[in-house]
N, C-alpha and C. Protein backbone atom coordinates (compact mmCIF):
# COMPACT_ATOMS: atom_id res chain seq x y z
N UNK A 1 136.37 88.67 84.84
CA UNK A 1 136.42 89.37 86.10
C UNK A 1 135.02 89.38 86.72
N UNK A 2 134.95 89.08 88.02
CA UNK A 2 133.68 88.99 88.72
C UNK A 2 133.16 90.38 89.08
N UNK A 3 131.88 90.58 88.86
CA UNK A 3 131.21 91.83 89.22
C UNK A 3 131.09 91.90 90.74
N UNK A 4 131.57 92.97 91.39
CA UNK A 4 131.47 93.07 92.85
C UNK A 4 130.04 92.94 93.37
N UNK A 5 129.06 93.50 92.67
CA UNK A 5 127.68 93.40 93.11
C UNK A 5 127.24 91.95 93.15
N UNK A 6 127.58 91.17 92.13
CA UNK A 6 127.22 89.75 92.11
C UNK A 6 127.84 89.02 93.29
N UNK A 7 129.09 89.35 93.62
CA UNK A 7 129.77 88.74 94.76
C UNK A 7 129.05 89.10 96.05
N UNK A 8 128.71 90.38 96.21
CA UNK A 8 128.00 90.84 97.41
C UNK A 8 126.66 90.11 97.56
N UNK A 9 125.92 89.99 96.47
CA UNK A 9 124.60 89.35 96.53
C UNK A 9 124.75 87.86 96.88
N UNK A 10 125.75 87.19 96.31
CA UNK A 10 125.98 85.78 96.62
C UNK A 10 126.38 85.59 98.09
N UNK A 11 127.26 86.45 98.60
CA UNK A 11 127.66 86.38 100.01
C UNK A 11 126.45 86.58 100.91
N UNK A 12 125.63 87.56 100.58
CA UNK A 12 124.44 87.85 101.37
C UNK A 12 123.48 86.66 101.38
N UNK A 13 123.26 86.06 100.23
CA UNK A 13 122.35 84.91 100.14
C UNK A 13 122.84 83.76 101.02
N UNK A 14 124.13 83.51 101.00
CA UNK A 14 124.72 82.44 101.82
C UNK A 14 124.51 82.74 103.31
N UNK A 15 124.77 83.97 103.71
CA UNK A 15 124.62 84.36 105.12
C UNK A 15 123.15 84.29 105.55
N UNK A 16 122.26 84.79 104.72
CA UNK A 16 120.83 84.77 105.05
C UNK A 16 120.32 83.33 105.18
N UNK A 17 120.83 82.44 104.35
CA UNK A 17 120.44 81.03 104.43
C UNK A 17 120.91 80.44 105.76
N UNK A 18 122.14 80.74 106.15
CA UNK A 18 122.69 80.25 107.41
C UNK A 18 121.90 80.82 108.60
N UNK A 19 121.56 82.10 108.54
CA UNK A 19 120.79 82.71 109.63
C UNK A 19 119.39 82.11 109.73
N UNK A 20 118.76 81.86 108.60
CA UNK A 20 117.41 81.28 108.59
C UNK A 20 117.41 79.87 109.18
N UNK A 21 118.51 79.13 108.99
CA UNK A 21 118.62 77.78 109.52
C UNK A 21 119.00 77.79 111.00
N UNK A 22 119.46 78.93 111.49
CA UNK A 22 119.90 79.04 112.89
C UNK A 22 118.80 79.53 113.81
N UNK A 23 119.17 80.38 114.74
CA UNK A 23 118.25 80.88 115.78
C UNK A 23 117.19 81.82 115.24
N UNK A 24 117.47 82.50 114.13
CA UNK A 24 116.55 83.49 113.61
C UNK A 24 116.65 84.79 114.39
N UNK A 25 115.77 85.75 114.11
CA UNK A 25 115.83 87.04 114.80
C UNK A 25 115.31 86.94 116.23
N UNK A 26 115.80 87.83 117.07
CA UNK A 26 115.36 87.85 118.46
C UNK A 26 116.40 88.49 119.36
N UNK A 27 116.30 88.18 120.64
CA UNK A 27 117.20 88.71 121.65
C UNK A 27 117.90 87.54 122.33
N UNK A 28 119.21 87.64 122.49
CA UNK A 28 119.98 86.57 123.13
C UNK A 28 119.57 86.43 124.60
N UNK A 29 119.53 85.20 125.05
CA UNK A 29 119.26 84.92 126.46
C UNK A 29 120.55 85.10 127.27
N UNK A 30 120.45 85.41 128.55
CA UNK A 30 121.65 85.62 129.37
C UNK A 30 122.64 84.46 129.31
N UNK A 31 122.16 83.24 129.29
CA UNK A 31 123.07 82.09 129.23
C UNK A 31 123.80 81.98 127.88
N UNK A 32 123.25 82.60 126.83
CA UNK A 32 123.91 82.58 125.53
C UNK A 32 125.10 83.55 125.48
N UNK A 33 125.06 84.59 126.29
CA UNK A 33 126.14 85.58 126.25
C UNK A 33 127.11 85.49 127.42
N UNK A 34 126.73 84.75 128.46
CA UNK A 34 127.57 84.65 129.66
C UNK A 34 128.96 84.14 129.32
N UNK A 35 129.97 84.89 129.76
CA UNK A 35 131.36 84.48 129.59
C UNK A 35 131.93 84.70 128.20
N UNK A 36 131.14 85.24 127.28
CA UNK A 36 131.62 85.45 125.90
C UNK A 36 132.13 86.87 125.72
N UNK A 37 133.17 86.99 124.91
CA UNK A 37 133.64 88.31 124.52
C UNK A 37 132.66 88.88 123.49
N UNK A 38 132.76 90.16 123.23
CA UNK A 38 131.92 90.76 122.20
C UNK A 38 132.15 90.12 120.84
N UNK A 39 133.41 89.83 120.52
CA UNK A 39 133.70 89.20 119.23
C UNK A 39 133.08 87.81 119.16
N UNK A 40 133.17 87.06 120.24
CA UNK A 40 132.56 85.72 120.24
C UNK A 40 131.05 85.81 120.04
N UNK A 41 130.41 86.82 120.64
CA UNK A 41 128.97 87.00 120.46
C UNK A 41 128.64 87.34 119.01
N UNK A 42 129.40 88.27 118.43
CA UNK A 42 129.16 88.68 117.04
C UNK A 42 129.38 87.51 116.08
N UNK A 43 130.42 86.73 116.32
CA UNK A 43 130.70 85.57 115.46
C UNK A 43 129.59 84.53 115.58
N UNK A 44 129.09 84.31 116.81
CA UNK A 44 127.99 83.36 117.01
C UNK A 44 126.74 83.83 116.28
N UNK A 45 126.50 85.13 116.30
CA UNK A 45 125.35 85.70 115.60
C UNK A 45 125.48 85.47 114.10
N UNK A 46 126.68 85.72 113.57
CA UNK A 46 126.92 85.56 112.13
C UNK A 46 126.79 84.09 111.70
N UNK A 47 127.12 83.17 112.59
CA UNK A 47 126.97 81.73 112.30
C UNK A 47 125.52 81.27 112.41
N UNK A 48 124.67 82.08 113.07
CA UNK A 48 123.30 81.67 113.31
C UNK A 48 123.13 80.96 114.64
N UNK A 49 124.16 80.94 115.47
CA UNK A 49 124.10 80.27 116.78
C UNK A 49 123.47 81.14 117.85
N UNK A 50 123.36 82.43 117.60
CA UNK A 50 122.68 83.37 118.49
C UNK A 50 121.69 84.16 117.64
N UNK A 51 120.63 84.66 118.24
CA UNK A 51 119.64 85.41 117.46
C UNK A 51 120.25 86.65 116.80
N UNK A 52 119.74 86.96 115.63
CA UNK A 52 120.13 88.20 114.93
C UNK A 52 119.13 89.29 115.30
N UNK A 53 119.52 90.56 115.19
CA UNK A 53 118.62 91.64 115.60
C UNK A 53 117.41 91.76 114.68
N UNK A 54 116.24 91.94 115.28
CA UNK A 54 115.01 92.04 114.49
C UNK A 54 114.99 93.27 113.59
N UNK A 55 115.69 94.34 113.99
CA UNK A 55 115.71 95.54 113.16
C UNK A 55 116.34 95.26 111.80
N UNK A 56 117.24 94.29 111.74
CA UNK A 56 117.88 93.96 110.46
C UNK A 56 116.84 93.45 109.46
N UNK A 57 115.89 92.67 109.93
CA UNK A 57 114.83 92.19 109.04
C UNK A 57 113.90 93.34 108.66
N UNK A 58 113.59 94.20 109.63
CA UNK A 58 112.69 95.33 109.37
C UNK A 58 113.25 96.26 108.31
N UNK A 59 114.56 96.54 108.39
CA UNK A 59 115.18 97.51 107.47
C UNK A 59 115.99 96.85 106.35
N UNK A 60 115.92 95.53 106.23
CA UNK A 60 116.55 94.77 105.15
C UNK A 60 118.06 94.98 105.07
N UNK A 61 118.74 94.65 106.18
CA UNK A 61 120.20 94.61 106.17
C UNK A 61 120.68 93.42 106.97
N UNK A 62 121.94 93.06 106.79
CA UNK A 62 122.50 91.89 107.45
C UNK A 62 123.99 92.10 107.68
N UNK A 63 124.48 91.58 108.80
CA UNK A 63 125.92 91.62 109.03
C UNK A 63 126.56 90.58 108.10
N UNK A 64 127.61 90.99 107.40
CA UNK A 64 128.27 90.07 106.48
C UNK A 64 129.69 89.71 106.91
N UNK A 65 130.24 90.47 107.85
CA UNK A 65 131.61 90.21 108.30
C UNK A 65 131.81 90.82 109.68
N UNK A 66 132.57 90.12 110.51
CA UNK A 66 133.00 90.68 111.78
C UNK A 66 134.35 90.11 112.14
N UNK A 67 135.21 90.96 112.60
CA UNK A 67 136.50 90.57 113.15
C UNK A 67 136.85 91.59 114.22
N UNK A 68 137.90 91.36 114.93
CA UNK A 68 138.25 92.26 116.03
C UNK A 68 138.44 93.68 115.50
N UNK A 69 137.60 94.60 115.99
CA UNK A 69 137.69 96.00 115.61
C UNK A 69 137.07 96.37 114.28
N UNK A 70 136.32 95.45 113.66
CA UNK A 70 135.73 95.72 112.35
C UNK A 70 134.42 94.95 112.19
N UNK A 71 133.41 95.64 111.68
CA UNK A 71 132.12 95.01 111.38
C UNK A 71 131.59 95.58 110.07
N UNK A 72 131.03 94.70 109.25
CA UNK A 72 130.50 95.10 107.95
C UNK A 72 129.05 94.64 107.84
N UNK A 73 128.19 95.59 107.49
CA UNK A 73 126.77 95.31 107.28
C UNK A 73 126.43 95.63 105.84
N UNK A 74 125.55 94.81 105.25
CA UNK A 74 125.10 95.05 103.88
C UNK A 74 123.61 95.30 103.90
N UNK A 75 123.19 96.34 103.18
CA UNK A 75 121.78 96.69 103.14
C UNK A 75 121.25 96.76 101.73
N UNK A 76 119.97 96.47 101.62
CA UNK A 76 119.26 96.55 100.35
C UNK A 76 118.26 97.69 100.43
N UNK A 77 118.60 98.85 99.84
CA UNK A 77 117.65 99.96 99.88
C UNK A 77 116.43 99.64 99.03
N UNK A 78 115.26 99.85 99.60
CA UNK A 78 114.03 99.52 98.87
C UNK A 78 112.99 100.60 99.00
N UNK A 79 111.85 100.38 98.39
CA UNK A 79 110.77 101.36 98.40
C UNK A 79 110.30 101.70 99.81
N UNK A 80 110.38 100.74 100.72
CA UNK A 80 109.95 100.97 102.10
C UNK A 80 110.84 101.97 102.82
N UNK A 81 112.00 102.26 102.26
CA UNK A 81 112.97 103.15 102.90
C UNK A 81 113.01 104.55 102.28
N UNK A 82 112.14 104.82 101.33
CA UNK A 82 112.18 106.09 100.61
C UNK A 82 111.52 107.23 101.38
N UNK A 83 112.09 108.41 101.21
CA UNK A 83 111.47 109.63 101.74
C UNK A 83 110.50 110.16 100.67
N UNK A 84 109.76 111.20 100.96
CA UNK A 84 108.78 111.70 99.98
C UNK A 84 109.38 112.18 98.66
N UNK A 85 110.69 112.42 98.63
CA UNK A 85 111.34 112.88 97.40
C UNK A 85 111.86 111.73 96.54
N UNK A 86 111.69 110.48 97.01
CA UNK A 86 112.08 109.33 96.21
C UNK A 86 113.50 108.85 96.44
N UNK A 87 114.18 109.37 97.43
CA UNK A 87 115.52 108.90 97.79
C UNK A 87 115.43 108.17 99.13
N UNK A 88 116.42 107.36 99.44
CA UNK A 88 116.42 106.62 100.69
C UNK A 88 116.54 107.61 101.85
N UNK A 89 115.71 107.41 102.85
CA UNK A 89 115.65 108.28 104.03
C UNK A 89 116.98 108.24 104.79
N UNK A 90 117.40 109.40 105.29
CA UNK A 90 118.65 109.49 106.04
C UNK A 90 118.68 108.62 107.28
N UNK A 91 117.52 108.32 107.85
CA UNK A 91 117.47 107.44 109.02
C UNK A 91 117.93 106.03 108.69
N UNK A 92 117.68 105.59 107.45
CA UNK A 92 118.15 104.26 107.02
C UNK A 92 119.67 104.27 106.94
N UNK A 93 120.24 105.31 106.35
CA UNK A 93 121.70 105.47 106.30
C UNK A 93 122.27 105.37 107.72
N UNK A 94 121.67 106.19 108.63
CA UNK A 94 122.17 106.30 110.00
C UNK A 94 122.09 104.97 110.74
N UNK A 95 121.01 104.23 110.53
CA UNK A 95 120.85 102.95 111.23
C UNK A 95 121.88 101.93 110.75
N UNK A 96 122.11 101.88 109.46
CA UNK A 96 123.10 100.95 108.92
C UNK A 96 124.50 101.32 109.42
N UNK A 97 124.83 102.60 109.39
CA UNK A 97 126.14 103.05 109.88
C UNK A 97 126.27 102.80 111.38
N UNK A 98 125.20 103.09 112.15
CA UNK A 98 125.23 102.87 113.59
C UNK A 98 125.46 101.40 113.92
N UNK A 99 124.88 100.51 113.16
CA UNK A 99 125.07 99.08 113.38
C UNK A 99 126.53 98.69 113.17
N UNK A 100 127.13 99.18 112.10
CA UNK A 100 128.54 98.88 111.83
C UNK A 100 129.45 99.48 112.90
N UNK A 101 129.17 100.71 113.30
CA UNK A 101 129.97 101.36 114.35
C UNK A 101 129.87 100.60 115.66
N UNK A 102 128.64 100.34 116.09
CA UNK A 102 128.42 99.68 117.37
C UNK A 102 128.99 98.28 117.43
N UNK A 103 128.80 97.52 116.36
CA UNK A 103 129.30 96.14 116.36
C UNK A 103 130.82 96.09 116.26
N UNK A 104 131.43 97.06 115.59
CA UNK A 104 132.89 97.14 115.57
C UNK A 104 133.40 97.35 116.99
N UNK A 105 132.76 98.27 117.73
CA UNK A 105 133.13 98.49 119.14
C UNK A 105 132.84 97.24 119.96
N UNK A 106 131.66 96.64 119.75
CA UNK A 106 131.28 95.44 120.50
C UNK A 106 132.32 94.33 120.33
N UNK A 107 132.88 94.23 119.14
CA UNK A 107 133.87 93.17 118.86
C UNK A 107 135.14 93.33 119.69
N UNK A 108 135.33 94.48 120.31
CA UNK A 108 136.51 94.74 121.13
C UNK A 108 136.27 94.50 122.62
N UNK A 109 135.03 94.23 122.99
CA UNK A 109 134.70 94.09 124.41
C UNK A 109 135.13 92.74 124.96
N UNK A 110 135.86 92.76 126.09
CA UNK A 110 136.14 91.49 126.77
C UNK A 110 134.86 90.98 127.43
N UNK A 111 134.85 89.74 127.83
CA UNK A 111 133.68 89.18 128.52
C UNK A 111 133.35 90.05 129.73
N UNK A 112 132.08 90.33 129.92
CA UNK A 112 131.63 91.11 131.07
C UNK A 112 131.66 92.62 130.88
N UNK A 113 132.12 93.08 129.72
CA UNK A 113 132.15 94.52 129.44
C UNK A 113 131.13 94.84 128.37
N UNK A 114 130.53 96.01 128.47
CA UNK A 114 129.55 96.46 127.49
C UNK A 114 129.83 97.90 127.10
N UNK A 115 128.96 98.45 126.28
CA UNK A 115 129.13 99.82 125.81
C UNK A 115 127.76 100.41 125.49
N UNK A 116 127.72 101.70 125.39
CA UNK A 116 126.53 102.40 124.90
C UNK A 116 127.00 103.62 124.12
N UNK A 117 126.26 103.98 123.13
CA UNK A 117 126.61 105.14 122.31
C UNK A 117 126.40 106.42 123.11
N UNK A 118 127.44 107.25 123.14
CA UNK A 118 127.34 108.56 123.79
C UNK A 118 127.12 109.65 122.74
N UNK A 119 127.70 109.46 121.57
CA UNK A 119 127.60 110.45 120.49
C UNK A 119 127.79 109.75 119.16
N UNK A 120 127.04 110.20 118.16
CA UNK A 120 127.21 109.67 116.80
C UNK A 120 126.99 110.82 115.83
N UNK A 121 127.86 110.94 114.88
CA UNK A 121 127.72 111.94 113.83
C UNK A 121 127.65 111.25 112.48
N UNK A 122 126.70 111.65 111.65
CA UNK A 122 126.53 111.04 110.34
C UNK A 122 126.58 112.14 109.28
N UNK A 123 127.33 111.91 108.23
CA UNK A 123 127.42 112.83 107.10
C UNK A 123 126.95 112.11 105.84
N UNK A 124 125.85 112.58 105.27
CA UNK A 124 125.34 112.03 104.01
C UNK A 124 125.99 112.82 102.88
N UNK A 125 126.64 112.13 101.96
CA UNK A 125 127.35 112.84 100.89
C UNK A 125 126.77 112.58 99.50
N UNK A 126 125.93 111.56 99.37
CA UNK A 126 125.32 111.27 98.06
C UNK A 126 124.02 110.52 98.31
N UNK A 127 122.99 110.88 97.57
CA UNK A 127 121.69 110.22 97.72
C UNK A 127 121.76 108.78 97.24
N UNK A 128 120.96 107.94 97.89
CA UNK A 128 120.75 106.57 97.41
C UNK A 128 119.34 106.52 96.84
N UNK A 129 119.24 106.11 95.60
CA UNK A 129 117.95 105.97 94.94
C UNK A 129 117.65 104.48 94.77
N UNK A 130 116.44 104.15 94.34
CA UNK A 130 116.10 102.74 94.13
C UNK A 130 117.01 102.02 93.11
N UNK A 131 117.76 102.77 92.31
CA UNK A 131 118.67 102.14 91.34
C UNK A 131 119.86 101.48 92.02
N UNK A 132 120.21 101.91 93.24
CA UNK A 132 121.34 101.33 93.99
C UNK A 132 120.85 100.03 94.62
N UNK A 133 121.45 98.91 94.23
CA UNK A 133 120.94 97.61 94.67
C UNK A 133 121.45 97.18 96.04
N UNK A 134 122.66 97.54 96.40
CA UNK A 134 123.23 97.16 97.70
C UNK A 134 124.22 98.24 98.12
N UNK A 135 124.36 98.38 99.44
CA UNK A 135 125.42 99.21 100.02
C UNK A 135 126.00 98.46 101.21
N UNK A 136 127.22 98.81 101.56
CA UNK A 136 127.87 98.23 102.74
C UNK A 136 128.32 99.33 103.68
N UNK A 137 128.04 99.12 104.96
CA UNK A 137 128.53 99.99 106.03
C UNK A 137 129.71 99.26 106.66
N UNK A 138 130.88 99.87 106.57
CA UNK A 138 132.11 99.25 107.07
C UNK A 138 132.58 100.06 108.28
N UNK A 139 132.48 99.44 109.45
CA UNK A 139 132.84 100.11 110.69
C UNK A 139 134.18 99.63 111.21
N UNK A 140 135.00 100.56 111.67
CA UNK A 140 136.34 100.26 112.18
C UNK A 140 136.58 101.03 113.47
N UNK A 141 137.10 100.33 114.46
CA UNK A 141 137.43 100.97 115.73
C UNK A 141 138.70 101.80 115.57
N UNK A 142 138.66 103.00 116.09
CA UNK A 142 139.83 103.87 116.11
C UNK A 142 140.58 103.71 117.43
N UNK A 143 139.80 103.69 118.53
CA UNK A 143 140.38 103.58 119.87
C UNK A 143 139.41 102.83 120.76
N UNK A 144 139.93 101.95 121.58
CA UNK A 144 139.09 101.27 122.57
C UNK A 144 139.86 101.21 123.88
N UNK A 145 139.40 102.00 124.82
CA UNK A 145 140.02 102.04 126.13
C UNK A 145 139.11 101.46 127.19
N UNK A 146 139.49 101.67 128.45
CA UNK A 146 138.73 101.13 129.57
C UNK A 146 137.38 101.83 129.75
N UNK A 147 137.28 103.11 129.36
CA UNK A 147 136.05 103.85 129.55
C UNK A 147 135.43 104.42 128.27
N UNK A 148 136.24 104.63 127.25
CA UNK A 148 135.75 105.20 126.00
C UNK A 148 136.24 104.39 124.80
N UNK A 149 135.38 104.35 123.78
CA UNK A 149 135.77 103.76 122.50
C UNK A 149 135.30 104.70 121.40
N UNK A 150 136.07 104.81 120.34
CA UNK A 150 135.67 105.59 119.17
C UNK A 150 135.79 104.72 117.93
N UNK A 151 134.94 105.01 116.96
CA UNK A 151 134.95 104.24 115.72
C UNK A 151 134.49 105.14 114.57
N UNK A 152 134.80 104.69 113.36
CA UNK A 152 134.35 105.38 112.16
C UNK A 152 133.77 104.36 111.20
N UNK A 153 132.90 104.82 110.31
CA UNK A 153 132.28 103.92 109.32
C UNK A 153 132.05 104.68 108.02
N UNK A 154 132.03 103.91 106.96
CA UNK A 154 131.76 104.44 105.62
C UNK A 154 130.66 103.59 104.99
N UNK A 155 129.73 104.24 104.31
CA UNK A 155 128.67 103.56 103.58
C UNK A 155 129.00 103.66 102.10
N UNK A 156 129.26 102.51 101.47
CA UNK A 156 129.74 102.50 100.09
C UNK A 156 128.94 101.52 99.23
N UNK A 157 128.98 101.77 97.94
CA UNK A 157 128.38 100.86 96.97
C UNK A 157 129.43 99.88 96.46
N UNK A 158 129.02 98.87 95.71
CA UNK A 158 129.96 97.88 95.20
C UNK A 158 130.99 98.47 94.23
N UNK A 159 130.67 99.63 93.66
CA UNK A 159 131.62 100.29 92.76
C UNK A 159 132.56 101.24 93.50
N UNK A 160 132.44 101.30 94.82
CA UNK A 160 133.29 102.16 95.63
C UNK A 160 132.70 103.54 95.90
N UNK A 161 131.52 103.84 95.36
CA UNK A 161 130.89 105.14 95.60
C UNK A 161 130.63 105.33 97.09
N UNK A 162 131.04 106.47 97.62
CA UNK A 162 130.80 106.82 99.02
C UNK A 162 129.45 107.53 99.12
N UNK A 163 128.55 107.00 99.95
CA UNK A 163 127.24 107.61 100.16
C UNK A 163 127.16 108.37 101.48
N UNK A 164 127.91 107.90 102.48
CA UNK A 164 127.90 108.56 103.79
C UNK A 164 129.08 108.07 104.61
N UNK A 165 129.39 108.83 105.66
CA UNK A 165 130.40 108.39 106.63
C UNK A 165 129.96 108.86 108.00
N UNK A 166 130.48 108.19 109.03
CA UNK A 166 130.02 108.48 110.39
C UNK A 166 131.12 108.20 111.40
N UNK A 167 130.94 108.78 112.58
CA UNK A 167 131.83 108.51 113.71
C UNK A 167 130.97 108.31 114.95
N UNK A 168 131.56 107.64 115.94
CA UNK A 168 130.87 107.47 117.21
C UNK A 168 131.85 107.53 118.36
N UNK A 169 131.34 107.93 119.51
CA UNK A 169 132.03 107.81 120.78
C UNK A 169 131.12 106.97 121.67
N UNK A 170 131.67 105.92 122.25
CA UNK A 170 130.90 105.03 123.11
C UNK A 170 131.48 105.00 124.51
N UNK A 171 130.60 104.91 125.49
CA UNK A 171 131.01 104.72 126.87
C UNK A 171 131.14 103.22 127.13
N UNK A 172 132.25 102.80 127.70
CA UNK A 172 132.51 101.39 128.00
C UNK A 172 132.35 101.18 129.49
N UNK A 173 131.70 100.07 129.89
CA UNK A 173 131.40 99.85 131.30
C UNK A 173 131.37 98.36 131.62
N UNK A 174 131.42 98.09 132.92
CA UNK A 174 131.29 96.72 133.43
C UNK A 174 129.82 96.35 133.42
N UNK A 175 129.50 95.17 132.88
CA UNK A 175 128.10 94.70 132.88
C UNK A 175 127.90 93.84 134.12
N UNK A 176 126.95 94.21 134.91
CA UNK A 176 126.68 93.48 136.14
C UNK A 176 125.75 92.30 135.85
N UNK A 177 126.05 91.17 136.46
CA UNK A 177 125.20 90.01 136.33
C UNK A 177 125.36 89.22 135.04
N UNK A 178 126.39 89.52 134.28
CA UNK A 178 126.61 88.77 133.02
C UNK A 178 127.89 87.99 133.13
């Protein structure tokens, strides 16, 4: 039987290799996103055809899966993320969860539509220490309408341990000039 952590690490290595061979980190140019749905943009990013967000490199996480209404990010908690008490800072939890929430919503956007976070709530339920090698933030859309979208996410370890969960409400709008 395959160890889930080994599977996660192998998947991550494959994705990071593909991203390194592609556009690398940065910001997409207008012509790269013109006419694309949110899902098409997310899929292009995962393939390395569009730039990946620079914050992912800064905080050592990567998107590992995206489909309509769902986005999964994997993070490697490290010493750079520790608070003074030796546990991973809550801001790292929140950023990983926010990425999964936002990209799940983004995957539902038709071409020419965008969103912005109006509210996000994060609940930390278990500390992450340096002994935890990887976690995944799994974001799922609950509702996506013409003006509002809601989503939920869970931050879990490869053994299924729940470390945090979050919800968001996003405002959906027409993007001008795209």
